[in-house]
Each structure stands twice: as structure tokens, then as C-alpha cells.
Amino acid sequence: MALLSKKHRALVTNPLNDDNPITVQVLGICSALAITAQLKASIVMALSVVFVLGMGNVVISLLRNVIPSKIRIIVQLVVVAALVIIVDQVLKAFAYELSKQLSVFIGLIITNCIIMGRFEAFALGNKPWDSFLDGIGNAAGYGIILIIVGFFRELLGSGTLLGYPVLGDPIQKTGLYALGYENNGFMLLSPMALITLGIIIWIQRIKNKKLIESETH
């Protein structure tokens, strides 16, 4: 069987849109609100979850036939905790300032309901390659939303992207600031993250009517 059959491609692509873990399944909302004030933090969190969920799904899949049912949650927590420790140590070694900013939230990956949900719903019942693709797909779907929200929050809230000014200098009044533009400080607050996420969900459902829940009378 081909490594990327139609079924395998669906495992990766469906979570990017029609089955997105944040906008459709409504999972992982907390981190989407908490760490998206800066694009860099959003990207790092997205990459961290890709690693943890991709590798975690593989490990759980490999162990699926030997994990006693009664302790499967404990085993899953041990696996995800070990992977999160690896991510945390790598960040401390190569991006210390960012690791301090994300320290609490990196640790909370352990309790991210997307990760535990994929362990339970997929990795425990599927082969390692399928589980790896499912993990990568769901983590990428989660990460894309974080990056989109972080992009607009940092751009409109600080006038920067990845810390670099892109709209001009607000003090010297150059670029857009020369035309009277002012940074929207509200974009840096958590409520605006929720509003931005709501707009993304609204746009997604306008484009795909199948995602709109039908009302039964």
C-alpha cells in the first residue's frame, strides 16, 4: 500500500479545514487565546504540538496491544509528559527568552484535549503510520489557527510581525502611522483572540455550509 494513499492524505488534510480541531471540534481553545498575542509564540507552540502529537501518536500506537485498559490514561500522560519535557529542554537550550514566555503553556500541552483525544480516538486503534499522519494533520490544523490568530493580533495590536515593524514607526509617525493609524491595544488582550477566532469560524462556515449545524424542530 502506498505511503500516501487517498485515506492517508485525508488523515492529514481533513483536520486542516473540514475537521479542524479548533474551529470544528472546538478543542484546544485555551492556548489559542493565551499565547497568540505574538506570532513567534504562536509558531513555536504550533511546532511543539506537531512534534508532541505526531510522535506521541506513534508511541501510543506501538504500545496499543500491550497497554492494560485500566491504566491507559496514565500511560498516555507519561508519554506526552516525556515529549513535552524534550520540547521544553530544547527551547531552554536554543530560545531561552521565548521559553520563559511560553513556560507555563508548554507544560499545559500535557493536558491539551486535542492530544489526549487523538491518543484515545485514533492511536489506540490504528497502526503507527496512520497514527503519525493523524497526529501531524490534527497538530497542523491546530497550529494553522494559532498562526492566523497570532498574525492578526500582533500586526494590528503592535504593528509588528515576528517583532519587526511592518506598518512603520509609531513614534516617528512613518508608514501607516503618518496617515493617522494607531495600534489597537485591544488586539493584545485575550477577548480579542476569542473574537478573531470567532471570525475565522464564521468565515469557514460561510465557505462550507456543511459545517453549519442544522436545527431540528
C-alpha atoms as a PDB file:
ATOM      1  CA  MET A   1       0.000   0.000   0.000  1.00  0.00           C
ATOM      2  CA  ALA A   2       1.254   3.460  -0.878  1.00  0.00           C
ATOM      3  CA  LEU A   3       2.575   5.511   1.983  1.00  0.00           C
ATOM      4  CA  LEU A   4       0.254   8.352   0.986  1.00  0.00           C
ATOM      5  CA  SER A   5      -2.916   6.721  -0.285  1.00  0.00           C
ATOM      6  CA  LYS A   6      -6.182   8.647  -0.513  1.00  0.00           C
ATOM      7  CA  LYS A   7      -7.012   7.539   3.021  1.00  0.00           C
ATOM      8  CA  HIS A   8      -3.631   8.694   4.304  1.00  0.00           C
ATOM      9  CA  ARG A   9      -3.909  12.065   2.588  1.00  0.00           C
ATOM     10  CA  ALA A  10      -7.316  12.546   4.199  1.00  0.00           C
ATOM     11  CA  LEU A  11      -5.793  11.953   7.640  1.00  0.00           C
ATOM     12  CA  VAL A  12      -3.520  14.948   7.046  1.00  0.00           C
ATOM     13  CA  THR A  13      -5.786  17.273   5.060  1.00  0.00           C
ATOM     14  CA  ASN A  14      -9.178  16.891   6.779  1.00  0.00           C
ATOM     15  CA  PRO A  15      -8.021  18.487  10.072  1.00  0.00           C
ATOM     16  CA  LEU A  16      -6.687  21.457   8.118  1.00  0.00           C
ATOM     17  CA  ASN A  17     -10.216  22.513   7.174  1.00  0.00           C
ATOM     18  CA  ASP A  18     -13.409  20.439   7.411  1.00  0.00           C
ATOM     19  CA  ASP A  19     -12.446  18.672  10.641  1.00  0.00           C
ATOM     20  CA  ASN A  20     -10.212  21.308  12.220  1.00  0.00           C
ATOM     21  CA  PRO A  21      -9.673  20.553  15.917  1.00  0.00           C
ATOM     22  CA  ILE A  22     -10.186  24.180  16.973  1.00  0.00           C
ATOM     23  CA  THR A  23     -12.806  25.622  14.622  1.00  0.00           C
ATOM     24  CA  VAL A  24     -14.886  22.459  14.099  1.00  0.00           C
ATOM     25  CA  GLN A  25     -14.216  20.185  17.068  1.00  0.00           C
ATOM     26  CA  VAL A  26     -13.805  23.215  19.407  1.00  0.00           C
ATOM     27  CA  LEU A  27     -10.763  21.762  21.199  1.00  0.00           C
ATOM     28  CA  GLY A  28      -7.576  23.476  22.355  1.00  0.00           C
ATOM     29  CA  ILE A  29      -9.273  26.870  22.668  1.00  0.00           C
ATOM     30  CA  CYS A  30      -7.384  27.933  25.818  1.00  0.00           C
ATOM     31  CA  SER A  31      -3.931  28.056  24.242  1.00  0.00           C
ATOM     32  CA  ALA A  32      -5.380  29.730  21.145  1.00  0.00           C
ATOM     33  CA  LEU A  33      -6.466  32.588  23.401  1.00  0.00           C
ATOM     34  CA  ALA A  34      -3.473  32.679  25.714  1.00  0.00           C
ATOM     35  CA  ILE A  35      -0.328  32.677  23.548  1.00  0.00           C
ATOM     36  CA  THR A  36      -1.384  34.264  20.257  1.00  0.00           C
ATOM     37  CA  ALA A  37      -0.550  37.890  21.063  1.00  0.00           C
ATOM     38  CA  GLN A  38       2.770  37.334  19.257  1.00  0.00           C
ATOM     39  CA  LEU A  39       3.273  35.446  16.010  1.00  0.00           C
ATOM     40  CA  LYS A  40       6.585  33.924  17.131  1.00  0.00           C
ATOM     41  CA  ALA A  41       4.974  32.360  20.194  1.00  0.00           C
ATOM     42  CA  SER A  42       2.155  31.008  18.035  1.00  0.00           C
ATOM     43  CA  ILE A  43       4.596  29.388  15.606  1.00  0.00           C
ATOM     44  CA  VAL A  44       6.671  27.822  18.394  1.00  0.00           C
ATOM     45  CA  MET A  45       3.576  26.446  20.111  1.00  0.00           C
ATOM     46  CA  ALA A  46       2.323  25.069  16.783  1.00  0.00           C
ATOM     47  CA  LEU A  47       5.631  23.306  16.074  1.00  0.00           C
ATOM     48  CA  SER A  48       5.761  21.963  19.627  1.00  0.00           C
ATOM     49  CA  VAL A  49       2.321  20.395  19.316  1.00  0.00           C
ATOM     50  CA  VAL A  50       3.206  18.941  15.884  1.00  0.00           C
ATOM     51  CA  PHE A  51       6.183  17.166  17.469  1.00  0.00           C
ATOM     52  CA  VAL A  52       4.366  16.028  20.603  1.00  0.00           C
ATOM     53  CA  LEU A  53       1.215  14.791  18.862  1.00  0.00           C
ATOM     54  CA  GLY A  54       2.994  13.230  15.890  1.00  0.00           C
ATOM     55  CA  MET A  55       5.498  11.306  17.991  1.00  0.00           C
ATOM     56  CA  GLY A  56       3.035  10.629  20.792  1.00  0.00           C
ATOM     57  CA  ASN A  57       0.552   9.017  18.423  1.00  0.00           C
ATOM     58  CA  VAL A  58       3.296   6.737  17.102  1.00  0.00           C
ATOM     59  CA  VAL A  59       4.375   5.656  20.606  1.00  0.00           C
ATOM     60  CA  ILE A  60       0.802   5.000  21.758  1.00  0.00           C
ATOM     61  CA  SER A  61       0.096   3.065  18.566  1.00  0.00           C
ATOM     62  CA  LEU A  62       3.177   0.900  19.066  1.00  0.00           C
ATOM     63  CA  LEU A  63       2.091   0.167  22.635  1.00  0.00           C
ATOM     64  CA  ARG A  64      -1.616  -0.226  21.893  1.00  0.00           C
ATOM     65  CA  ASN A  65      -1.664  -4.006  22.212  1.00  0.00           C
ATOM     66  CA  VAL A  66       0.258  -4.144  25.489  1.00  0.00           C
ATOM     67  CA  ILE A  67      -1.256  -1.237  27.445  1.00  0.00           C
ATOM     68  CA  PRO A  68      -3.735  -2.537  30.062  1.00  0.00           C
ATOM     69  CA  SER A  69      -7.057  -0.782  29.590  1.00  0.00           C
ATOM     70  CA  LYS A  70      -7.268   0.282  33.226  1.00  0.00           C
ATOM     71  CA  ILE A  71      -4.038   2.311  33.107  1.00  0.00           C
ATOM     72  CA  ARG A  72      -4.116   3.559  29.510  1.00  0.00           C
ATOM     73  CA  ILE A  73      -4.741   7.187  30.562  1.00  0.00           C
ATOM     74  CA  ILE A  74      -1.741   7.074  32.916  1.00  0.00           C
ATOM     75  CA  VAL A  75       0.444   5.646  30.144  1.00  0.00           C
ATOM     76  CA  GLN A  76      -0.743   8.349  27.743  1.00  0.00           C
ATOM     77  CA  LEU A  77       0.078  11.067  30.267  1.00  0.00           C
ATOM     78  CA  VAL A  78       3.558   9.623  30.825  1.00  0.00           C
ATOM     79  CA  VAL A  79       4.213   9.563  27.062  1.00  0.00           C
ATOM     80  CA  VAL A  80       3.022  13.111  26.446  1.00  0.00           C
ATOM     81  CA  ALA A  81       4.826  14.410  29.554  1.00  0.00           C
ATOM     82  CA  ALA A  82       8.128  12.907  28.360  1.00  0.00           C
ATOM     83  CA  LEU A  83       7.724  14.513  24.929  1.00  0.00           C
ATOM     84  CA  VAL A  84       6.804  17.885  26.453  1.00  0.00           C
ATOM     85  CA  ILE A  85       9.927  17.743  28.638  1.00  0.00           C
ATOM     86  CA  ILE A  86      12.007  17.248  25.486  1.00  0.00           C
ATOM     87  CA  VAL A  87      10.346  20.282  23.855  1.00  0.00           C
ATOM     88  CA  ASP A  88      10.852  22.369  26.994  1.00  0.00           C
ATOM     89  CA  GLN A  89      14.546  21.490  27.248  1.00  0.00           C
ATOM     90  CA  VAL A  90      15.155  22.233  23.548  1.00  0.00           C
ATOM     91  CA  LEU A  91      13.501  25.636  23.928  1.00  0.00           C
ATOM     92  CA  LYS A  92      15.571  26.436  27.006  1.00  0.00           C
ATOM     93  CA  ALA A  93      18.726  25.498  25.118  1.00  0.00           C
ATOM     94  CA  PHE A  94      18.057  27.368  21.868  1.00  0.00           C
ATOM     95  CA  ALA A  95      15.387  30.010  22.609  1.00  0.00           C
ATOM     96  CA  TYR A  96      15.628  30.800  26.292  1.00  0.00           C
ATOM     97  CA  GLU A  97      13.700  34.089  26.281  1.00  0.00           C
ATOM     98  CA  LEU A  98      10.855  32.530  24.348  1.00  0.00           C
ATOM     99  CA  SER A  99      10.911  29.502  26.629  1.00  0.00           C
ATOM    100  CA  LYS A 100      10.358  31.778  29.634  1.00  0.00           C
ATOM    101  CA  GLN A 101       7.406  33.399  27.858  1.00  0.00           C
ATOM    102  CA  LEU A 102       5.861  30.051  26.968  1.00  0.00           C
ATOM    103  CA  SER A 103       6.964  28.060  30.008  1.00  0.00           C
ATOM    104  CA  VAL A 104       3.533  27.596  31.590  1.00  0.00           C
ATOM    105  CA  PHE A 105       1.788  26.971  28.285  1.00  0.00           C
ATOM    106  CA  ILE A 106       4.359  24.456  27.035  1.00  0.00           C
ATOM    107  CA  GLY A 107       3.726  22.489  30.210  1.00  0.00           C
ATOM    108  CA  LEU A 108      -0.021  22.646  29.602  1.00  0.00           C
ATOM    109  CA  ILE A 109       0.444  20.752  26.322  1.00  0.00           C
ATOM    110  CA  ILE A 110       0.290  17.704  28.605  1.00  0.00           C
ATOM    111  CA  THR A 111      -3.383  18.396  29.265  1.00  0.00           C
ATOM    112  CA  ASN A 112      -4.240  19.619  25.744  1.00  0.00           C
ATOM    113  CA  CYS A 113      -7.506  17.859  24.954  1.00  0.00           C
ATOM    114  CA  ILE A 114      -6.555  17.544  21.266  1.00  0.00           C
ATOM    115  CA  ILE A 115      -3.570  15.350  22.143  1.00  0.00           C
ATOM    116  CA  MET A 116      -5.350  13.126  24.644  1.00  0.00           C
ATOM    117  CA  GLY A 117      -8.332  12.945  22.303  1.00  0.00           C
ATOM    118  CA  ARG A 118      -6.238  11.682  19.372  1.00  0.00           C
ATOM    119  CA  PHE A 119      -4.479   9.156  21.605  1.00  0.00           C
ATOM    120  CA  GLU A 120      -7.842   7.773  22.702  1.00  0.00           C
ATOM    121  CA  ALA A 121      -9.810   8.105  19.475  1.00  0.00           C
ATOM    122  CA  PHE A 122      -7.163   7.091  16.944  1.00  0.00           C
ATOM    123  CA  ALA A 123      -3.731   5.931  18.105  1.00  0.00           C
ATOM    124  CA  LEU A 124      -5.094   3.201  20.379  1.00  0.00           C
ATOM    125  CA  GLY A 125      -6.856   1.576  17.449  1.00  0.00           C
ATOM    126  CA  ASN A 126      -4.626   2.180  14.434  1.00  0.00           C
ATOM    127  CA  LYS A 127      -1.194   1.348  13.049  1.00  0.00           C
ATOM    128  CA  PRO A 128       1.837   3.621  13.682  1.00  0.00           C
ATOM    129  CA  TRP A 129       1.995   5.193  10.188  1.00  0.00           C
ATOM    130  CA  ASP A 130      -1.708   6.043  10.172  1.00  0.00           C
ATOM    131  CA  SER A 131      -1.400   7.367  13.710  1.00  0.00           C
ATOM    132  CA  PHE A 132       1.601   9.503  12.767  1.00  0.00           C
ATOM    133  CA  LEU A 133      -0.279  11.090   9.868  1.00  0.00           C
ATOM    134  CA  ASP A 134      -3.341  11.665  12.050  1.00  0.00           C
ATOM    135  CA  GLY A 135      -1.177  13.351  14.669  1.00  0.00           C
ATOM    136  CA  ILE A 136       0.589  15.555  12.134  1.00  0.00           C
ATOM    137  CA  GLY A 137      -2.702  16.504  10.481  1.00  0.00           C
ATOM    138  CA  ASN A 138      -4.512  17.436  13.693  1.00  0.00           C
ATOM    139  CA  ALA A 139      -1.488  19.293  15.089  1.00  0.00           C
ATOM    140  CA  ALA A 140      -1.095  21.195  11.814  1.00  0.00           C
ATOM    141  CA  GLY A 141      -4.788  22.102  11.831  1.00  0.00           C
ATOM    142  CA  TYR A 142      -4.394  23.379  15.382  1.00  0.00           C
ATOM    143  CA  GLY A 143      -1.180  25.232  14.505  1.00  0.00           C
ATOM    144  CA  ILE A 144      -2.603  26.955  11.437  1.00  0.00           C
ATOM    145  CA  ILE A 145      -5.355  28.551  13.517  1.00  0.00           C
ATOM    146  CA  LEU A 146      -2.848  29.681  16.147  1.00  0.00           C
ATOM    147  CA  ILE A 147      -0.641  31.236  13.468  1.00  0.00           C
ATOM    148  CA  ILE A 148      -3.547  33.041  11.757  1.00  0.00           C
ATOM    149  CA  VAL A 149      -4.793  34.464  15.059  1.00  0.00           C
ATOM    150  CA  GLY A 150      -1.250  35.400  16.127  1.00  0.00           C
ATOM    151  CA  PHE A 151      -0.593  37.086  12.763  1.00  0.00           C
ATOM    152  CA  PHE A 152      -3.541  39.463  13.017  1.00  0.00           C
ATOM    153  CA  ARG A 153      -3.211  40.098  16.750  1.00  0.00           C
ATOM    154  CA  GLU A 154       0.446  41.112  16.526  1.00  0.00           C
ATOM    155  CA  LEU A 155       0.018  43.032  13.271  1.00  0.00           C
ATOM    156  CA  LEU A 156      -2.975  45.100  14.393  1.00  0.00           C
ATOM    157  CA  GLY A 157      -2.060  45.250  18.075  1.00  0.00           C
ATOM    158  CA  SER A 158       1.661  46.068  17.837  1.00  0.00           C
ATOM    159  CA  GLY A 159       2.238  46.935  14.169  1.00  0.00           C
ATOM    160  CA  THR A 160       4.910  44.233  14.001  1.00  0.00           C
ATOM    161  CA  LEU A 161       5.372  40.674  12.743  1.00  0.00           C
ATOM    162  CA  LEU A 162       7.866  38.391  14.491  1.00  0.00           C
ATOM    163  CA  GLY A 163       8.959  41.511  16.363  1.00  0.00           C
ATOM    164  CA  TYR A 164       9.837  43.503  13.223  1.00  0.00           C
ATOM    165  CA  PRO A 165       7.895  46.715  12.464  1.00  0.00           C
ATOM    166  CA  VAL A 166       5.907  46.395   9.249  1.00  0.00           C
ATOM    167  CA  LEU A 167       3.461  49.280   9.471  1.00  0.00           C
ATOM    168  CA  GLY A 168       6.043  51.974  10.174  1.00  0.00           C
ATOM    169  CA  ASP A 169       7.329  53.692  13.292  1.00  0.00           C
ATOM    170  CA  PRO A 170       4.551  54.796  15.668  1.00  0.00           C
ATOM    171  CA  ILE A 171       6.874  57.265  17.413  1.00  0.00           C
ATOM    172  CA  GLN A 172       8.377  58.861  14.315  1.00  0.00           C
ATOM    173  CA  LYS A 173       4.969  58.621  12.595  1.00  0.00           C
ATOM    174  CA  THR A 174       6.187  56.900   9.456  1.00  0.00           C
ATOM    175  CA  GLY A 175       4.356  54.440   7.198  1.00  0.00           C
ATOM    176  CA  LEU A 176       0.686  53.962   8.059  1.00  0.00           C
ATOM    177  CA  TYR A 177       1.153  55.939  11.254  1.00  0.00           C
ATOM    178  CA  ALA A 178       1.777  59.033   9.138  1.00  0.00           C
ATOM    179  CA  LEU A 179      -1.803  58.619   7.871  1.00  0.00           C
ATOM    180  CA  GLY A 180      -3.207  58.638  11.397  1.00  0.00           C
ATOM    181  CA  TYR A 181      -3.233  54.893  12.031  1.00  0.00           C
ATOM    182  CA  GLU A 182      -2.912  53.805  15.664  1.00  0.00           C
ATOM    183  CA  ASN A 183      -2.192  50.355  17.077  1.00  0.00           C
ATOM    184  CA  ASN A 184      -5.246  48.644  18.526  1.00  0.00           C
ATOM    185  CA  GLY A 185      -4.140  47.641  22.015  1.00  0.00           C
ATOM    186  CA  PHE A 186      -7.358  45.661  22.443  1.00  0.00           C
ATOM    187  CA  MET A 187      -5.963  43.112  19.953  1.00  0.00           C
ATOM    188  CA  LEU A 188      -3.352  42.113  22.537  1.00  0.00           C
ATOM    189  CA  LEU A 189      -5.994  41.144  25.106  1.00  0.00           C
ATOM    190  CA  SER A 190      -7.494  37.657  25.327  1.00  0.00           C
ATOM    191  CA  PRO A 191     -11.073  38.757  24.490  1.00  0.00           C
ATOM    192  CA  MET A 192      -9.883  39.884  21.051  1.00  0.00           C
ATOM    193  CA  ALA A 193      -8.325  36.471  20.475  1.00  0.00           C
ATOM    194  CA  LEU A 194     -11.766  34.966  21.032  1.00  0.00           C
ATOM    195  CA  ILE A 195     -13.350  37.469  18.646  1.00  0.00           C
ATOM    196  CA  THR A 196     -10.688  36.794  15.996  1.00  0.00           C
ATOM    197  CA  LEU A 197     -11.235  33.068  16.384  1.00  0.00           C
ATOM    198  CA  GLY A 198     -14.978  33.603  16.066  1.00  0.00           C
ATOM    199  CA  ILE A 199     -14.469  35.482  12.799  1.00  0.00           C
ATOM    200  CA  ILE A 200     -12.357  32.588  11.451  1.00  0.00           C
ATOM    201  CA  ILE A 201     -15.099  30.112  12.412  1.00  0.00           C
ATOM    202  CA  TRP A 202     -17.731  32.349  10.756  1.00  0.00           C
ATOM    203  CA  ILE A 203     -15.743  32.611   7.516  1.00  0.00           C
ATOM    204  CA  GLN A 204     -15.142  28.854   7.484  1.00  0.00           C
ATOM    205  CA  ARG A 205     -18.855  28.135   7.793  1.00  0.00           C
ATOM    206  CA  ILE A 206     -19.744  30.648   5.100  1.00  0.00           C
ATOM    207  CA  LYS A 207     -17.403  28.786   2.741  1.00  0.00           C
ATOM    208  CA  ASN A 208     -18.576  25.324   3.838  1.00  0.00           C
ATOM    209  CA  LYS A 209     -22.291  25.174   4.609  1.00  0.00           C
ATOM    210  CA  LYS A 210     -21.970  21.521   5.694  1.00  0.00           C
ATOM    211  CA  LEU A 211     -20.327  22.693   8.910  1.00  0.00           C
ATOM    212  CA  ILE A 212     -23.411  24.655   9.973  1.00  0.00           C
ATOM    213  CA  GLU A 213     -25.362  22.610  12.488  1.00  0.00           C
ATOM    214  CA  SER A 214     -28.903  22.041  11.285  1.00  0.00           C
ATOM    215  CA  GLU A 215     -31.735  22.800  13.681  1.00  0.00           C
ATOM    216  CA  THR A 216     -34.364  20.170  14.196  1.00  0.00           C
ATOM    217  CA  HIS A 217     -37.873  21.165  15.121  1.00  0.00           C
END
